[in-house]
Amino acid sequence: MSQSPNPQARKLLYIVGVALGLALLLTALIYFLLGIGVIKSVSTYVVWAIILFSIGAGLLSGVGTRG
């Protein structure tokens, strides 16, 4: 017999999924733009700032949507 996960676990997994998905999407976009030459040089700190910002935005989005 399989049980459905409790609502708190589902909410946490949704929030983490949105946050990490947004972070991966923006990171891939930055590296794509670097690869085709649209962006000439980006500091590693800027890339990390974008990743952390997108994780935070994803967390806020998940909390706002499912809260």
PDB file of N, CA and C in Angstrom:
ATOM      1  N   MET A   1       0.832  -1.174   0.000  1.00  0.00           N
ATOM      2  CA  MET A   1       0.000   0.000   0.000  1.00  0.00           C
ATOM      3  C   MET A   1       0.880   1.241   0.000  1.00  0.00           C
ATOM      4  N   SER A   2       0.651   2.067  -0.947  1.00  0.00           N
ATOM      5  CA  SER A   2       1.435   3.296  -1.004  1.00  0.00           C
ATOM      6  C   SER A   2       0.647   4.440  -0.382  1.00  0.00           C
ATOM      7  N   GLN A   3       1.347   5.260   0.340  1.00  0.00           N
ATOM      8  CA  GLN A   3       0.715   6.403   0.965  1.00  0.00           C
ATOM      9  C   GLN A   3       1.108   7.663   0.220  1.00  0.00           C
ATOM     10  N   SER A   4       0.205   8.599   0.136  1.00  0.00           N
ATOM     11  CA  SER A   4       0.570   9.880  -0.454  1.00  0.00           C
ATOM     12  C   SER A   4       1.347  10.677   0.586  1.00  0.00           C
ATOM     13  N   PRO A   5       2.351  11.437   0.147  1.00  0.00           N
ATOM     14  CA  PRO A   5       3.144  12.206   1.114  1.00  0.00           C
ATOM     15  C   PRO A   5       2.284  13.252   1.819  1.00  0.00           C
ATOM     16  N   ASN A   6       2.669  13.545   3.045  1.00  0.00           N
ATOM     17  CA  ASN A   6       1.892  14.530   3.795  1.00  0.00           C
ATOM     18  C   ASN A   6       2.010  15.912   3.149  1.00  0.00           C
ATOM     19  N   PRO A   7       1.073  16.791   3.407  1.00  0.00           N
ATOM     20  CA  PRO A   7       1.049  18.096   2.728  1.00  0.00           C
ATOM     21  C   PRO A   7       2.292  18.945   2.985  1.00  0.00           C
ATOM     22  N   GLN A   8       2.872  18.854   4.164  1.00  0.00           N
ATOM     23  CA  GLN A   8       4.068  19.649   4.463  1.00  0.00           C
ATOM     24  C   GLN A   8       5.246  19.184   3.611  1.00  0.00           C
ATOM     25  N   ALA A   9       5.389  17.879   3.459  1.00  0.00           N
ATOM     26  CA  ALA A   9       6.485  17.353   2.635  1.00  0.00           C
ATOM     27  C   ALA A   9       6.290  17.744   1.172  1.00  0.00           C
ATOM     28  N   ARG A  10       5.056  17.672   0.692  1.00  0.00           N
ATOM     29  CA  ARG A  10       4.783  18.061  -0.697  1.00  0.00           C
ATOM     30  C   ARG A  10       5.092  19.538  -0.920  1.00  0.00           C
ATOM     31  N   LYS A  11       4.706  20.368   0.056  1.00  0.00           N
ATOM     32  CA  LYS A  11       4.952  21.809  -0.061  1.00  0.00           C
ATOM     33  C   LYS A  11       6.450  22.094  -0.077  1.00  0.00           C
ATOM     34  N   LEU A  12       7.208  21.435   0.802  1.00  0.00           N
ATOM     35  CA  LEU A  12       8.658  21.637   0.849  1.00  0.00           C
ATOM     36  C   LEU A  12       9.308  21.195  -0.451  1.00  0.00           C
ATOM     37  N   LEU A  13       8.908  20.040  -0.960  1.00  0.00           N
ATOM     38  CA  LEU A  13       9.485  19.560  -2.215  1.00  0.00           C
ATOM     39  C   LEU A  13       9.140  20.479  -3.375  1.00  0.00           C
ATOM     40  N   TYR A  14       7.935  21.024  -3.380  1.00  0.00           N
ATOM     41  CA  TYR A  14       7.547  21.965  -4.433  1.00  0.00           C
ATOM     42  C   TYR A  14       8.402  23.225  -4.375  1.00  0.00           C
ATOM     43  N   ILE A  15       8.585  23.769  -3.180  1.00  0.00           N
ATOM     44  CA  ILE A  15       9.362  25.001  -3.019  1.00  0.00           C
ATOM     45  C   ILE A  15      10.809  24.777  -3.428  1.00  0.00           C
ATOM     46  N   VAL A  16      11.399  23.675  -2.970  1.00  0.00           N
ATOM     47  CA  VAL A  16      12.791  23.377  -3.326  1.00  0.00           C
ATOM     48  C   VAL A  16      12.917  23.143  -4.828  1.00  0.00           C
ATOM     49  N   GLY A  17      11.951  22.463  -5.414  1.00  0.00           N
ATOM     50  CA  GLY A  17      11.988  22.212  -6.854  1.00  0.00           C
ATOM     51  C   GLY A  17      11.914  23.488  -7.672  1.00  0.00           C
ATOM     52  N   VAL A  18      11.042  24.403  -7.279  1.00  0.00           N
ATOM     53  CA  VAL A  18      10.925  25.681  -7.987  1.00  0.00           C
ATOM     54  C   VAL A  18      12.216  26.481  -7.845  1.00  0.00           C
ATOM     55  N   ALA A  19      12.763  26.512  -6.640  1.00  0.00           N
ATOM     56  CA  ALA A  19      13.977  27.294  -6.407  1.00  0.00           C
ATOM     57  C   ALA A  19      15.153  26.749  -7.204  1.00  0.00           C
ATOM     58  N   LEU A  20      15.363  25.459  -7.143  1.00  0.00           N
ATOM     59  CA  LEU A  20      16.499  24.880  -7.869  1.00  0.00           C
ATOM     60  C   LEU A  20      16.279  24.915  -9.378  1.00  0.00           C
ATOM     61  N   GLY A  21      15.050  24.745  -9.809  1.00  0.00           N
ATOM     62  CA  GLY A  21      14.770  24.825 -11.243  1.00  0.00           C
ATOM     63  C   GLY A  21      15.060  26.205 -11.804  1.00  0.00           C
ATOM     64  N   LEU A  22      14.654  27.229 -11.067  1.00  0.00           N
ATOM     65  CA  LEU A  22      14.917  28.599 -11.496  1.00  0.00           C
ATOM     66  C   LEU A  22      16.416  28.893 -11.499  1.00  0.00           C
ATOM     67  N   ALA A  23      17.118  28.401 -10.499  1.00  0.00           N
ATOM     68  CA  ALA A  23      18.562  28.607 -10.433  1.00  0.00           C
ATOM     69  C   ALA A  23      19.265  27.932 -11.603  1.00  0.00           C
ATOM     70  N   LEU A  24      18.896  26.711 -11.902  1.00  0.00           N
ATOM     71  CA  LEU A  24      19.520  26.002 -13.019  1.00  0.00           C
ATOM     72  C   LEU A  24      19.204  26.661 -14.352  1.00  0.00           C
ATOM     73  N   LEU A  25      17.986  27.136 -14.495  1.00  0.00           N
ATOM     74  CA  LEU A  25      17.598  27.799 -15.738  1.00  0.00           C
ATOM     75  C   LEU A  25      18.405  29.072 -15.964  1.00  0.00           C
ATOM     76  N   LEU A  26      18.519  29.913 -14.937  1.00  0.00           N
ATOM     77  CA  LEU A  26      19.273  31.155 -15.100  1.00  0.00           C
ATOM     78  C   LEU A  26      20.762  30.901 -15.280  1.00  0.00           C
ATOM     79  N   THR A  27      21.297  29.904 -14.599  1.00  0.00           N
ATOM     80  CA  THR A  27      22.710  29.560 -14.772  1.00  0.00           C
ATOM     81  C   THR A  27      22.971  29.090 -16.196  1.00  0.00           C
ATOM     82  N   ALA A  28      22.101  28.238 -16.695  1.00  0.00           N
ATOM     83  CA  ALA A  28      22.253  27.763 -18.069  1.00  0.00           C
ATOM     84  C   ALA A  28      22.155  28.917 -19.066  1.00  0.00           C
ATOM     85  N   LEU A  29      21.261  29.857 -18.801  1.00  0.00           N
ATOM     86  CA  LEU A  29      21.120  31.016 -19.682  1.00  0.00           C
ATOM     87  C   LEU A  29      22.398  31.858 -19.696  1.00  0.00           C
ATOM     88  N   ILE A  30      22.977  32.093 -18.522  1.00  0.00           N
ATOM     89  CA  ILE A  30      24.218  32.875 -18.449  1.00  0.00           C
ATOM     90  C   ILE A  30      25.340  32.179 -19.207  1.00  0.00           C
ATOM     91  N   TYR A  31      25.502  30.876 -18.998  1.00  0.00           N
ATOM     92  CA  TYR A  31      26.569  30.160 -19.695  1.00  0.00           C
ATOM     93  C   TYR A  31      26.308  30.077 -21.197  1.00  0.00           C
ATOM     94  N   PHE A  32      25.065  30.003 -21.597  1.00  0.00           N
ATOM     95  CA  PHE A  32      24.738  30.014 -23.018  1.00  0.00           C
ATOM     96  C   PHE A  32      25.131  31.355 -23.641  1.00  0.00           C
ATOM     97  N   LEU A  33      24.766  32.449 -22.965  1.00  0.00           N
ATOM     98  CA  LEU A  33      25.120  33.776 -23.479  1.00  0.00           C
ATOM     99  C   LEU A  33      26.629  33.981 -23.509  1.00  0.00           C
ATOM    100  N   LEU A  34      27.328  33.426 -22.528  1.00  0.00           N
ATOM    101  CA  LEU A  34      28.799  33.487 -22.564  1.00  0.00           C
ATOM    102  C   LEU A  34      29.342  32.691 -23.745  1.00  0.00           C
ATOM    103  N   GLY A  35      28.750  31.537 -23.999  1.00  0.00           N
ATOM    104  CA  GLY A  35      29.229  30.669 -25.066  1.00  0.00           C
ATOM    105  C   GLY A  35      29.052  31.256 -26.453  1.00  0.00           C
ATOM    106  N   ILE A  36      27.948  31.948 -26.695  1.00  0.00           N
ATOM    107  CA  ILE A  36      27.733  32.500 -28.036  1.00  0.00           C
ATOM    108  C   ILE A  36      28.331  33.895 -28.183  1.00  0.00           C
ATOM    109  N   GLY A  37      28.870  34.436 -27.105  1.00  0.00           N
ATOM    110  CA  GLY A  37      29.592  35.694 -27.195  1.00  0.00           C
ATOM    111  C   GLY A  37      28.776  36.943 -26.950  1.00  0.00           C
ATOM    112  N   VAL A  38      27.541  36.814 -26.517  1.00  0.00           N
ATOM    113  CA  VAL A  38      26.730  37.989 -26.222  1.00  0.00           C
ATOM    114  C   VAL A  38      27.307  38.714 -25.007  1.00  0.00           C
ATOM    115  N   ILE A  39      27.683  37.945 -24.026  1.00  0.00           N
ATOM    116  CA  ILE A  39      28.342  38.490 -22.843  1.00  0.00           C
ATOM    117  C   ILE A  39      29.823  38.167 -22.973  1.00  0.00           C
ATOM    118  N   LYS A  40      30.669  39.179 -22.908  1.00  0.00           N
ATOM    119  CA  LYS A  40      32.095  38.957 -23.136  1.00  0.00           C
ATOM    120  C   LYS A  40      32.793  38.354 -21.925  1.00  0.00           C
ATOM    121  N   SER A  41      32.540  38.887 -20.750  1.00  0.00           N
ATOM    122  CA  SER A  41      33.171  38.311 -19.561  1.00  0.00           C
ATOM    123  C   SER A  41      32.293  38.591 -18.353  1.00  0.00           C
ATOM    124  N   VAL A  42      32.116  37.571 -17.577  1.00  0.00           N
ATOM    125  CA  VAL A  42      31.325  37.697 -16.363  1.00  0.00           C
ATOM    126  C   VAL A  42      32.151  37.109 -15.231  1.00  0.00           C
ATOM    127  N   SER A  43      32.244  37.850 -14.162  1.00  0.00           N
ATOM    128  CA  SER A  43      32.979  37.386 -13.002  1.00  0.00           C
ATOM    129  C   SER A  43      32.277  36.185 -12.385  1.00  0.00           C
ATOM    130  N   THR A  44      33.049  35.327 -11.748  1.00  0.00           N
ATOM    131  CA  THR A  44      32.483  34.181 -11.051  1.00  0.00           C
ATOM    132  C   THR A  44      31.541  34.636  -9.947  1.00  0.00           C
ATOM    133  N   TYR A  45      31.880  35.749  -9.314  1.00  0.00           N
ATOM    134  CA  TYR A  45      31.024  36.272  -8.253  1.00  0.00           C
ATOM    135  C   TYR A  45      29.652  36.682  -8.780  1.00  0.00           C
ATOM    136  N   VAL A  46      29.622  37.197  -9.973  1.00  0.00           N
ATOM    137  CA  VAL A  46      28.349  37.596 -10.570  1.00  0.00           C
ATOM    138  C   VAL A  46      27.497  36.367 -10.860  1.00  0.00           C
ATOM    139  N   VAL A  47      28.116  35.313 -11.366  1.00  0.00           N
ATOM    140  CA  VAL A  47      27.384  34.078 -11.639  1.00  0.00           C
ATOM    141  C   VAL A  47      26.823  33.506 -10.342  1.00  0.00           C
ATOM    142  N   TRP A  48      27.632  33.486  -9.286  1.00  0.00           N
ATOM    143  CA  TRP A  48      27.141  32.978  -7.999  1.00  0.00           C
ATOM    144  C   TRP A  48      26.037  33.867  -7.439  1.00  0.00           C
ATOM    145  N   ALA A  49      26.152  35.158  -7.620  1.00  0.00           N
ATOM    146  CA  ALA A  49      25.105  36.070  -7.146  1.00  0.00           C
ATOM    147  C   ALA A  49      23.798  35.790  -7.880  1.00  0.00           C
ATOM    148  N   ILE A  50      23.864  35.547  -9.173  1.00  0.00           N
ATOM    149  CA  ILE A  50      22.664  35.238  -9.949  1.00  0.00           C
ATOM    150  C   ILE A  50      22.055  33.919  -9.486  1.00  0.00           C
ATOM    151  N   ILE A  51      22.893  32.924  -9.245  1.00  0.00           N
ATOM    152  CA  ILE A  51      22.399  31.629  -8.774  1.00  0.00           C
ATOM    153  C   ILE A  51      21.700  31.773  -7.430  1.00  0.00           C
ATOM    154  N   LEU A  52      22.342  32.460  -6.493  1.00  0.00           N
ATOM    155  CA  LEU A  52      21.751  32.631  -5.161  1.00  0.00           C
ATOM    156  C   LEU A  52      20.480  33.475  -5.214  1.00  0.00           C
ATOM    157  N   PHE A  53      20.488  34.503  -6.045  1.00  0.00           N
ATOM    158  CA  PHE A  53      19.284  35.327  -6.201  1.00  0.00           C
ATOM    159  C   PHE A  53      18.128  34.508  -6.768  1.00  0.00           C
ATOM    160  N   SER A  54      18.422  33.683  -7.742  1.00  0.00           N
ATOM    161  CA  SER A  54      17.355  32.896  -8.350  1.00  0.00           C
ATOM    162  C   SER A  54      16.830  31.829  -7.396  1.00  0.00           C
ATOM    163  N   ILE A  55      17.694  31.269  -6.546  1.00  0.00           N
ATOM    164  CA  ILE A  55      17.221  30.328  -5.536  1.00  0.00           C
ATOM    165  C   ILE A  55      16.292  31.052  -4.570  1.00  0.00           C
ATOM    166  N   GLY A  56      16.687  32.241  -4.142  1.00  0.00           N
ATOM    167  CA  GLY A  56      15.823  33.025  -3.250  1.00  0.00           C
ATOM    168  C   GLY A  56      14.513  33.400  -3.901  1.00  0.00           C
ATOM    169  N   ALA A  57      14.558  33.791  -5.157  1.00  0.00           N
ATOM    170  CA  ALA A  57      13.318  34.128  -5.864  1.00  0.00           C
ATOM    171  C   ALA A  57      12.424  32.911  -6.028  1.00  0.00           C
ATOM    172  N   GLY A  58      13.021  31.762  -6.282  1.00  0.00           N
ATOM    173  CA  GLY A  58      12.241  30.537  -6.386  1.00  0.00           C
ATOM    174  C   GLY A  58      11.606  30.152  -5.070  1.00  0.00           C
ATOM    175  N   LEU A  59      12.333  30.335  -3.976  1.00  0.00           N
ATOM    176  CA  LEU A  59      11.768  30.059  -2.655  1.00  0.00           C
ATOM    177  C   LEU A  59      10.582  30.977  -2.360  1.00  0.00           C
ATOM    178  N   LEU A  60      10.751  32.240  -2.651  1.00  0.00           N
ATOM    179  CA  LEU A  60       9.644  33.185  -2.417  1.00  0.00           C
ATOM    180  C   LEU A  60       8.457  32.880  -3.318  1.00  0.00           C
ATOM    181  N   SER A  61       8.736  32.495  -4.540  1.00  0.00           N
ATOM    182  CA  SER A  61       7.661  32.159  -5.466  1.00  0.00           C
ATOM    183  C   SER A  61       6.914  30.914  -4.991  1.00  0.00           C
ATOM    184  N   GLY A  62       7.661  29.918  -4.556  1.00  0.00           N
ATOM    185  CA  GLY A  62       7.030  28.696  -4.065  1.00  0.00           C
ATOM    186  C   GLY A  62       6.211  28.931  -2.818  1.00  0.00           C
ATOM    187  N   VAL A  63       6.719  29.733  -1.906  1.00  0.00           N
ATOM    188  CA  VAL A  63       5.990  30.028  -0.685  1.00  0.00           C
ATOM    189  C   VAL A  63       4.734  30.834  -1.014  1.00  0.00           C
ATOM    190  N   GLY A  64       4.850  31.781  -1.906  1.00  0.00           N
ATOM    191  CA  GLY A  64       3.699  32.604  -2.274  1.00  0.00           C
ATOM    192  C   GLY A  64       2.626  31.822  -3.007  1.00  0.00           C
ATOM    193  N   THR A  65       3.030  30.882  -3.833  1.00  0.00           N
ATOM    194  CA  THR A  65       2.085  30.109  -4.618  1.00  0.00           C
ATOM    195  C   THR A  65       1.367  29.071  -3.762  1.00  0.00           C
ATOM    196  N   ARG A  66       2.140  28.372  -2.952  1.00  0.00           N
ATOM    197  CA  ARG A  66       1.574  27.255  -2.192  1.00  0.00           C
ATOM    198  C   ARG A  66       1.167  27.644  -0.771  1.00  0.00           C
ATOM    199  N   GLY A  67       1.479  28.895  -0.349  1.00  0.00           N
ATOM    200  CA  GLY A  67       1.198  29.297   1.021  1.00  0.00           C
ATOM    201  C   GLY A  67      -0.211  29.602   1.216  1.00  0.00           C
TER     202      GLY A  67
END
